[in-house]
Amino acid sequence: MGWTTDGSPVPENKCIILGVPHTSMMDFVVSYLYYTSVGGHARCMIKKELFFPPLGWILRALGAIPVDRKNSTTLVRSVIKEMESSDYFHLAIAPEGTRKPVRNWKTGFHLIAKEAGIPVYMGYFDWKTKRVGHGVRIELTDDARADMKRIQQLYEEMNLGAKHPEMYLTR
Protein backbone atom coordinates (compact mmCIF):
# COMPACT_ATOMS: atom_id res chain seq x y z
CA MET A 1 0.00 0.00 0.00
CA GLY A 2 3.09 2.25 0.05
CA TRP A 3 3.05 3.17 3.76
CA THR A 4 6.16 3.44 5.94
CA THR A 5 6.27 3.06 9.73
CA ASP A 6 8.33 3.94 12.75
CA GLY A 7 9.01 0.21 12.92
CA SER A 8 8.14 -0.91 16.44
CA PRO A 9 5.27 -1.43 18.84
CA VAL A 10 5.04 0.61 22.04
CA PRO A 11 7.52 -0.81 24.60
CA GLU A 12 5.15 -0.84 27.63
CA ASN A 13 2.74 -3.74 28.17
CA LYS A 14 -0.15 -1.35 28.77
CA CYS A 15 -0.79 1.99 27.10
CA ILE A 16 -3.15 4.12 25.09
CA ILE A 17 -2.25 5.02 21.52
CA LEU A 18 -4.14 7.96 20.08
CA GLY A 19 -5.09 7.71 16.41
CA VAL A 20 -5.09 11.07 14.64
CA PRO A 21 -6.45 12.25 12.24
CA HIS A 22 -9.50 9.99 12.12
CA THR A 23 -11.62 10.86 9.09
CA SER A 24 -12.16 7.50 7.41
CA MET A 25 -12.70 3.82 8.22
CA MET A 26 -9.51 3.28 6.22
CA ASP A 27 -7.62 4.85 9.14
CA PHE A 28 -8.48 1.71 11.13
CA VAL A 29 -7.29 -0.55 8.31
CA VAL A 30 -3.98 1.29 7.90
CA SER A 31 -3.29 1.46 11.63
CA TYR A 32 -4.30 -2.17 12.23
CA LEU A 33 -2.07 -3.43 9.42
CA TYR A 34 0.80 -1.24 10.62
CA TYR A 35 0.63 -2.28 14.25
CA THR A 36 0.32 -6.00 13.58
CA SER A 37 3.14 -5.81 11.00
CA VAL A 38 5.56 -4.48 13.64
CA GLY A 39 4.53 -7.14 16.18
CA GLY A 40 1.98 -5.20 18.20
CA HIS A 41 -1.62 -5.97 19.02
CA ALA A 42 -3.87 -3.03 19.80
CA ARG A 43 -7.49 -3.11 20.87
CA CYS A 44 -9.99 -0.43 19.91
CA MET A 45 -13.45 0.61 20.99
CA ILE A 46 -16.21 0.48 18.39
CA LYS A 47 -19.87 1.36 18.83
CA LYS A 48 -21.85 -1.70 19.89
CA GLU A 49 -24.31 -1.24 17.03
CA LEU A 50 -21.70 -2.68 14.62
CA PHE A 51 -21.42 -5.98 16.50
CA PHE A 52 -23.98 -7.97 14.53
CA PRO A 53 -23.11 -11.28 12.81
CA PRO A 54 -20.88 -11.77 10.93
CA LEU A 55 -19.25 -8.32 11.28
CA GLY A 56 -19.24 -8.54 15.08
CA TRP A 57 -17.30 -11.81 15.00
CA ILE A 58 -14.70 -10.27 12.71
CA LEU A 59 -14.40 -7.11 14.83
CA ARG A 60 -13.91 -9.14 18.02
CA ALA A 61 -11.24 -11.27 16.31
CA LEU A 62 -9.42 -8.06 15.37
CA GLY A 63 -9.45 -6.90 19.00
CA ALA A 64 -12.41 -4.54 18.93
CA ILE A 65 -14.33 -3.86 22.12
CA PRO A 66 -18.06 -3.09 21.77
CA VAL A 67 -19.02 0.05 23.68
CA ASP A 68 -22.22 1.84 24.57
CA ARG A 69 -21.45 5.46 23.73
CA LYS A 70 -24.55 6.69 25.57
CA ASN A 71 -23.07 5.93 29.01
CA SER A 72 -19.51 7.27 29.16
CA THR A 73 -19.01 6.43 32.85
CA THR A 74 -19.79 2.76 32.31
CA LEU A 75 -17.69 2.74 29.15
CA VAL A 76 -14.59 4.11 30.92
CA ARG A 77 -14.97 1.83 33.94
CA SER A 78 -15.44 -1.31 31.83
CA VAL A 79 -12.35 -0.53 29.74
CA ILE A 80 -10.26 0.10 32.87
CA LYS A 81 -11.50 -3.17 34.40
CA GLU A 82 -10.62 -5.11 31.24
CA MET A 83 -7.23 -3.41 31.10
CA GLU A 84 -6.45 -4.23 34.73
CA SER A 85 -7.28 -7.91 34.20
CA SER A 86 -4.84 -8.23 31.28
CA ASP A 87 -1.05 -8.46 31.25
CA TYR A 88 -0.87 -6.79 27.82
CA PHE A 89 -3.35 -4.16 26.69
CA HIS A 90 -2.64 -1.55 24.04
CA LEU A 91 -5.76 0.53 23.44
CA ALA A 92 -6.07 2.60 20.27
CA ILE A 93 -8.41 5.57 20.63
CA ALA A 94 -9.41 8.33 18.23
CA PRO A 95 -9.74 11.38 20.52
CA GLU A 96 -11.92 13.09 17.93
CA GLY A 97 -14.56 10.50 18.83
CA THR A 98 -16.00 10.47 15.31
CA ARG A 99 -15.02 10.78 11.67
CA LYS A 100 -16.90 14.08 11.44
CA PRO A 101 -15.08 17.39 11.94
CA VAL A 102 -14.93 18.36 15.63
CA ARG A 103 -13.01 21.06 17.48
CA ASN A 104 -13.41 19.65 21.00
CA TRP A 105 -11.83 16.24 21.25
CA LYS A 106 -13.01 13.68 23.80
CA THR A 107 -11.02 13.33 27.03
CA GLY A 108 -12.06 9.77 27.95
CA PHE A 109 -8.59 8.47 27.08
CA HIS A 110 -7.15 10.91 29.64
CA LEU A 111 -9.39 9.56 32.38
CA ILE A 112 -8.57 5.96 31.46
CA ALA A 113 -4.81 6.63 31.36
CA LYS A 114 -4.75 8.51 34.68
CA GLU A 115 -7.01 6.00 36.43
CA ALA A 116 -5.06 2.97 35.16
CA GLY A 117 -1.64 4.65 35.53
CA ILE A 118 -0.59 3.98 31.95
CA PRO A 119 1.20 6.10 29.32
CA VAL A 120 -0.32 7.74 26.26
CA TYR A 121 1.33 7.85 22.83
CA MET A 122 0.53 10.28 20.03
CA GLY A 123 -0.20 7.80 17.25
CA TYR A 124 -0.71 9.13 13.75
CA PHE A 125 -1.47 8.21 10.16
CA ASP A 126 -0.39 10.81 7.64
CA TRP A 127 -2.14 10.37 4.30
CA LYS A 128 0.07 13.03 2.65
CA THR A 129 3.33 11.22 3.32
CA LYS A 130 1.84 7.73 3.86
CA ARG A 131 3.63 7.45 7.18
CA VAL A 132 2.12 5.77 10.24
CA GLY A 133 3.42 5.25 13.77
CA HIS A 134 2.73 5.19 17.48
CA GLY A 135 4.44 8.56 17.86
CA VAL A 136 5.93 10.02 21.01
CA ARG A 137 4.91 9.39 24.58
CA ILE A 138 3.07 12.34 26.10
CA GLU A 139 3.13 13.02 29.81
CA LEU A 140 -0.29 13.80 31.25
CA THR A 141 -1.04 16.15 34.13
CA ASP A 142 -4.14 16.25 36.32
CA ASP A 143 -5.62 18.95 34.06
CA ALA A 144 -7.36 17.12 31.20
CA ARG A 145 -8.46 20.32 29.49
CA ALA A 146 -4.92 21.80 29.43
CA ASP A 147 -3.45 18.46 28.31
CA MET A 148 -5.97 18.23 25.47
CA LYS A 149 -5.10 21.74 24.32
CA ARG A 150 -1.39 20.83 24.35
CA ILE A 151 -1.99 17.53 22.52
CA GLN A 152 -4.07 19.23 19.83
CA GLN A 153 -1.35 21.87 19.43
CA LEU A 154 1.31 19.15 19.03
CA TYR A 155 -0.80 17.37 16.41
CA GLU A 156 -1.34 20.65 14.59
CA GLU A 157 2.44 21.17 14.49
CA MET A 158 2.84 17.69 12.95
CA ASN A 159 0.96 19.00 9.88
CA LEU A 160 -0.70 15.64 9.25
CA GLY A 161 -2.72 14.93 6.15
CA ALA A 162 -6.10 13.29 6.69
CA LYS A 163 -7.75 10.92 4.22
CA HIS A 164 -10.54 13.51 4.08
CA PRO A 165 -8.80 16.82 4.96
CA GLU A 166 -12.04 18.79 5.23
CA MET A 167 -13.06 16.52 8.12
CA TYR A 168 -9.93 17.12 10.24
CA LEU A 169 -9.85 20.04 12.67
CA THR A 170 -7.10 20.30 15.29
CA ARG A 171 -8.38 23.36 17.18
C-alpha atoms as a PDB file:
ATOM      1  CA  MET A   1       0.000   0.000   0.000  1.00  0.00           C
ATOM      2  CA  GLY A   2       3.088   2.248   0.055  1.00  0.00           C
ATOM      3  CA  TRP A   3       3.045   3.168   3.756  1.00  0.00           C
ATOM      4  CA  THR A   4       6.156   3.438   5.941  1.00  0.00           C
ATOM      5  CA  THR A   5       6.275   3.056   9.734  1.00  0.00           C
ATOM      6  CA  ASP A   6       8.328   3.939  12.755  1.00  0.00           C
ATOM      7  CA  GLY A   7       9.012   0.209  12.922  1.00  0.00           C
ATOM      8  CA  SER A   8       8.144  -0.906  16.439  1.00  0.00           C
ATOM      9  CA  PRO A   9       5.272  -1.431  18.840  1.00  0.00           C
ATOM     10  CA  VAL A  10       5.042   0.610  22.044  1.00  0.00           C
ATOM     11  CA  PRO A  11       7.525  -0.808  24.604  1.00  0.00           C
ATOM     12  CA  GLU A  12       5.145  -0.843  27.628  1.00  0.00           C
ATOM     13  CA  ASN A  13       2.741  -3.737  28.172  1.00  0.00           C
ATOM     14  CA  LYS A  14      -0.150  -1.352  28.770  1.00  0.00           C
ATOM     15  CA  CYS A  15      -0.792   1.992  27.102  1.00  0.00           C
ATOM     16  CA  ILE A  16      -3.146   4.116  25.086  1.00  0.00           C
ATOM     17  CA  ILE A  17      -2.251   5.020  21.524  1.00  0.00           C
ATOM     18  CA  LEU A  18      -4.139   7.964  20.076  1.00  0.00           C
ATOM     19  CA  GLY A  19      -5.090   7.709  16.412  1.00  0.00           C
ATOM     20  CA  VAL A  20      -5.095  11.072  14.636  1.00  0.00           C
ATOM     21  CA  PRO A  21      -6.445  12.253  12.239  1.00  0.00           C
ATOM     22  CA  HIS A  22      -9.502   9.992  12.124  1.00  0.00           C
ATOM     23  CA  THR A  23     -11.621  10.862   9.091  1.00  0.00           C
ATOM     24  CA  SER A  24     -12.156   7.495   7.407  1.00  0.00           C
ATOM     25  CA  MET A  25     -12.700   3.822   8.220  1.00  0.00           C
ATOM     26  CA  MET A  26      -9.506   3.278   6.218  1.00  0.00           C
ATOM     27  CA  ASP A  27      -7.616   4.853   9.139  1.00  0.00           C
ATOM     28  CA  PHE A  28      -8.479   1.714  11.131  1.00  0.00           C
ATOM     29  CA  VAL A  29      -7.291  -0.552   8.308  1.00  0.00           C
ATOM     30  CA  VAL A  30      -3.978   1.291   7.900  1.00  0.00           C
ATOM     31  CA  SER A  31      -3.288   1.462  11.633  1.00  0.00           C
ATOM     32  CA  TYR A  32      -4.300  -2.175  12.225  1.00  0.00           C
ATOM     33  CA  LEU A  33      -2.071  -3.434   9.416  1.00  0.00           C
ATOM     34  CA  TYR A  34       0.804  -1.238  10.617  1.00  0.00           C
ATOM     35  CA  TYR A  35       0.626  -2.281  14.254  1.00  0.00           C
ATOM     36  CA  THR A  36       0.320  -5.999  13.582  1.00  0.00           C
ATOM     37  CA  SER A  37       3.136  -5.813  11.002  1.00  0.00           C
ATOM     38  CA  VAL A  38       5.557  -4.480  13.644  1.00  0.00           C
ATOM     39  CA  GLY A  39       4.531  -7.141  16.178  1.00  0.00           C
ATOM     40  CA  GLY A  40       1.980  -5.198  18.199  1.00  0.00           C
ATOM     41  CA  HIS A  41      -1.625  -5.973  19.024  1.00  0.00           C
ATOM     42  CA  ALA A  42      -3.873  -3.029  19.805  1.00  0.00           C
ATOM     43  CA  ARG A  43      -7.494  -3.112  20.866  1.00  0.00           C
ATOM     44  CA  CYS A  44      -9.993  -0.434  19.907  1.00  0.00           C
ATOM     45  CA  MET A  45     -13.454   0.615  20.990  1.00  0.00           C
ATOM     46  CA  ILE A  46     -16.212   0.481  18.394  1.00  0.00           C
ATOM     47  CA  LYS A  47     -19.867   1.360  18.834  1.00  0.00           C
ATOM     48  CA  LYS A  48     -21.848  -1.702  19.886  1.00  0.00           C
ATOM     49  CA  GLU A  49     -24.314  -1.243  17.025  1.00  0.00           C
ATOM     50  CA  LEU A  50     -21.705  -2.685  14.620  1.00  0.00           C
ATOM     51  CA  PHE A  51     -21.416  -5.984  16.497  1.00  0.00           C
ATOM     52  CA  PHE A  52     -23.982  -7.971  14.528  1.00  0.00           C
ATOM     53  CA  PRO A  53     -23.112 -11.280  12.806  1.00  0.00           C
ATOM     54  CA  PRO A  54     -20.884 -11.773  10.926  1.00  0.00           C
ATOM     55  CA  LEU A  55     -19.251  -8.324  11.278  1.00  0.00           C
ATOM     56  CA  GLY A  56     -19.242  -8.540  15.080  1.00  0.00           C
ATOM     57  CA  TRP A  57     -17.301 -11.813  14.998  1.00  0.00           C
ATOM     58  CA  ILE A  58     -14.697 -10.274  12.713  1.00  0.00           C
ATOM     59  CA  LEU A  59     -14.403  -7.114  14.825  1.00  0.00           C
ATOM     60  CA  ARG A  60     -13.906  -9.139  18.020  1.00  0.00           C
ATOM     61  CA  ALA A  61     -11.237 -11.271  16.313  1.00  0.00           C
ATOM     62  CA  LEU A  62      -9.418  -8.056  15.366  1.00  0.00           C
ATOM     63  CA  GLY A  63      -9.447  -6.897  19.004  1.00  0.00           C
ATOM     64  CA  ALA A  64     -12.410  -4.537  18.926  1.00  0.00           C
ATOM     65  CA  ILE A  65     -14.329  -3.859  22.122  1.00  0.00           C
ATOM     66  CA  PRO A  66     -18.061  -3.093  21.770  1.00  0.00           C
ATOM     67  CA  VAL A  67     -19.025   0.047  23.681  1.00  0.00           C
ATOM     68  CA  ASP A  68     -22.223   1.841  24.574  1.00  0.00           C
ATOM     69  CA  ARG A  69     -21.452   5.457  23.729  1.00  0.00           C
ATOM     70  CA  LYS A  70     -24.549   6.686  25.571  1.00  0.00           C
ATOM     71  CA  ASN A  71     -23.075   5.928  29.007  1.00  0.00           C
ATOM     72  CA  SER A  72     -19.509   7.275  29.162  1.00  0.00           C
ATOM     73  CA  THR A  73     -19.006   6.431  32.854  1.00  0.00           C
ATOM     74  CA  THR A  74     -19.794   2.755  32.313  1.00  0.00           C
ATOM     75  CA  LEU A  75     -17.686   2.740  29.151  1.00  0.00           C
ATOM     76  CA  VAL A  76     -14.595   4.108  30.921  1.00  0.00           C
ATOM     77  CA  ARG A  77     -14.966   1.827  33.943  1.00  0.00           C
ATOM     78  CA  SER A  78     -15.436  -1.312  31.830  1.00  0.00           C
ATOM     79  CA  VAL A  79     -12.348  -0.526  29.738  1.00  0.00           C
ATOM     80  CA  ILE A  80     -10.259   0.100  32.872  1.00  0.00           C
ATOM     81  CA  LYS A  81     -11.497  -3.172  34.399  1.00  0.00           C
ATOM     82  CA  GLU A  82     -10.622  -5.107  31.240  1.00  0.00           C
ATOM     83  CA  MET A  83      -7.225  -3.406  31.098  1.00  0.00           C
ATOM     84  CA  GLU A  84      -6.446  -4.233  34.734  1.00  0.00           C
ATOM     85  CA  SER A  85      -7.283  -7.911  34.201  1.00  0.00           C
ATOM     86  CA  SER A  86      -4.837  -8.230  31.283  1.00  0.00           C
ATOM     87  CA  ASP A  87      -1.048  -8.464  31.247  1.00  0.00           C
ATOM     88  CA  TYR A  88      -0.870  -6.787  27.824  1.00  0.00           C
ATOM     89  CA  PHE A  89      -3.352  -4.159  26.693  1.00  0.00           C
ATOM     90  CA  HIS A  90      -2.644  -1.552  24.044  1.00  0.00           C
ATOM     91  CA  LEU A  91      -5.757   0.525  23.445  1.00  0.00           C
ATOM     92  CA  ALA A  92      -6.065   2.599  20.274  1.00  0.00           C
ATOM     93  CA  ILE A  93      -8.413   5.571  20.632  1.00  0.00           C
ATOM     94  CA  ALA A  94      -9.413   8.330  18.226  1.00  0.00           C
ATOM     95  CA  PRO A  95      -9.742  11.376  20.516  1.00  0.00           C
ATOM     96  CA  GLU A  96     -11.924  13.088  17.931  1.00  0.00           C
ATOM     97  CA  GLY A  97     -14.556  10.497  18.825  1.00  0.00           C
ATOM     98  CA  THR A  98     -15.999  10.466  15.314  1.00  0.00           C
ATOM     99  CA  ARG A  99     -15.018  10.777  11.674  1.00  0.00           C
ATOM    100  CA  LYS A 100     -16.900  14.076  11.444  1.00  0.00           C
ATOM    101  CA  PRO A 101     -15.075  17.393  11.939  1.00  0.00           C
ATOM    102  CA  VAL A 102     -14.926  18.359  15.630  1.00  0.00           C
ATOM    103  CA  ARG A 103     -13.008  21.060  17.481  1.00  0.00           C
ATOM    104  CA  ASN A 104     -13.409  19.655  20.996  1.00  0.00           C
ATOM    105  CA  TRP A 105     -11.834  16.236  21.246  1.00  0.00           C
ATOM    106  CA  LYS A 106     -13.006  13.685  23.797  1.00  0.00           C
ATOM    107  CA  THR A 107     -11.017  13.327  27.032  1.00  0.00           C
ATOM    108  CA  GLY A 108     -12.056   9.774  27.950  1.00  0.00           C
ATOM    109  CA  PHE A 109      -8.592   8.475  27.081  1.00  0.00           C
ATOM    110  CA  HIS A 110      -7.145  10.915  29.637  1.00  0.00           C
ATOM    111  CA  LEU A 111      -9.387   9.559  32.381  1.00  0.00           C
ATOM    112  CA  ILE A 112      -8.567   5.956  31.460  1.00  0.00           C
ATOM    113  CA  ALA A 113      -4.808   6.634  31.358  1.00  0.00           C
ATOM    114  CA  LYS A 114      -4.752   8.514  34.675  1.00  0.00           C
ATOM    115  CA  GLU A 115      -7.009   6.000  36.432  1.00  0.00           C
ATOM    116  CA  ALA A 116      -5.057   2.973  35.159  1.00  0.00           C
ATOM    117  CA  GLY A 117      -1.644   4.653  35.529  1.00  0.00           C
ATOM    118  CA  ILE A 118      -0.595   3.980  31.945  1.00  0.00           C
ATOM    119  CA  PRO A 119       1.201   6.096  29.324  1.00  0.00           C
ATOM    120  CA  VAL A 120      -0.318   7.742  26.258  1.00  0.00           C
ATOM    121  CA  TYR A 121       1.331   7.847  22.828  1.00  0.00           C
ATOM    122  CA  MET A 122       0.527  10.285  20.032  1.00  0.00           C
ATOM    123  CA  GLY A 123      -0.203   7.799  17.254  1.00  0.00           C
ATOM    124  CA  TYR A 124      -0.712   9.130  13.754  1.00  0.00           C
ATOM    125  CA  PHE A 125      -1.470   8.205  10.162  1.00  0.00           C
ATOM    126  CA  ASP A 126      -0.392  10.814   7.635  1.00  0.00           C
ATOM    127  CA  TRP A 127      -2.137  10.370   4.302  1.00  0.00           C
ATOM    128  CA  LYS A 128       0.068  13.034   2.650  1.00  0.00           C
ATOM    129  CA  THR A 129       3.333  11.216   3.323  1.00  0.00           C
ATOM    130  CA  LYS A 130       1.840   7.727   3.859  1.00  0.00           C
ATOM    131  CA  ARG A 131       3.635   7.446   7.182  1.00  0.00           C
ATOM    132  CA  VAL A 132       2.116   5.770  10.243  1.00  0.00           C
ATOM    133  CA  GLY A 133       3.422   5.251  13.766  1.00  0.00           C
ATOM    134  CA  HIS A 134       2.734   5.190  17.477  1.00  0.00           C
ATOM    135  CA  GLY A 135       4.441   8.564  17.860  1.00  0.00           C
ATOM    136  CA  VAL A 136       5.928  10.018  21.006  1.00  0.00           C
ATOM    137  CA  ARG A 137       4.912   9.394  24.579  1.00  0.00           C
ATOM    138  CA  ILE A 138       3.073  12.342  26.101  1.00  0.00           C
ATOM    139  CA  GLU A 139       3.129  13.021  29.812  1.00  0.00           C
ATOM    140  CA  LEU A 140      -0.291  13.804  31.247  1.00  0.00           C
ATOM    141  CA  THR A 141      -1.040  16.150  34.129  1.00  0.00           C
ATOM    142  CA  ASP A 142      -4.136  16.251  36.324  1.00  0.00           C
ATOM    143  CA  ASP A 143      -5.625  18.950  34.060  1.00  0.00           C
ATOM    144  CA  ALA A 144      -7.357  17.120  31.201  1.00  0.00           C
ATOM    145  CA  ARG A 145      -8.458  20.323  29.487  1.00  0.00           C
ATOM    146  CA  ALA A 146      -4.919  21.796  29.432  1.00  0.00           C
ATOM    147  CA  ASP A 147      -3.451  18.459  28.315  1.00  0.00           C
ATOM    148  CA  MET A 148      -5.967  18.234  25.466  1.00  0.00           C
ATOM    149  CA  LYS A 149      -5.099  21.742  24.321  1.00  0.00           C
ATOM    150  CA  ARG A 150      -1.392  20.830  24.354  1.00  0.00           C
ATOM    151  CA  ILE A 151      -1.994  17.532  22.521  1.00  0.00           C
ATOM    152  CA  GLN A 152      -4.075  19.229  19.827  1.00  0.00           C
ATOM    153  CA  GLN A 153      -1.348  21.866  19.426  1.00  0.00           C
ATOM    154  CA  LEU A 154       1.309  19.150  19.027  1.00  0.00           C
ATOM    155  CA  TYR A 155      -0.805  17.372  16.414  1.00  0.00           C
ATOM    156  CA  GLU A 156      -1.340  20.648  14.593  1.00  0.00           C
ATOM    157  CA  GLU A 157       2.436  21.173  14.491  1.00  0.00           C
ATOM    158  CA  MET A 158       2.843  17.694  12.946  1.00  0.00           C
ATOM    159  CA  ASN A 159       0.957  18.995   9.881  1.00  0.00           C
ATOM    160  CA  LEU A 160      -0.704  15.637   9.253  1.00  0.00           C
ATOM    161  CA  GLY A 161      -2.721  14.933   6.152  1.00  0.00           C
ATOM    162  CA  ALA A 162      -6.100  13.288   6.687  1.00  0.00           C
ATOM    163  CA  LYS A 163      -7.747  10.917   4.217  1.00  0.00           C
ATOM    164  CA  HIS A 164     -10.544  13.512   4.079  1.00  0.00           C
ATOM    165  CA  PRO A 165      -8.803  16.819   4.958  1.00  0.00           C
ATOM    166  CA  GLU A 166     -12.043  18.786   5.231  1.00  0.00           C
ATOM    167  CA  MET A 167     -13.063  16.522   8.125  1.00  0.00           C
ATOM    168  CA  TYR A 168      -9.929  17.120  10.240  1.00  0.00           C
ATOM    169  CA  LEU A 169      -9.852  20.044  12.669  1.00  0.00           C
ATOM    170  CA  THR A 170      -7.098  20.302  15.286  1.00  0.00           C
ATOM    171  CA  ARG A 171      -8.377  23.364  17.176  1.00  0.00           C
END
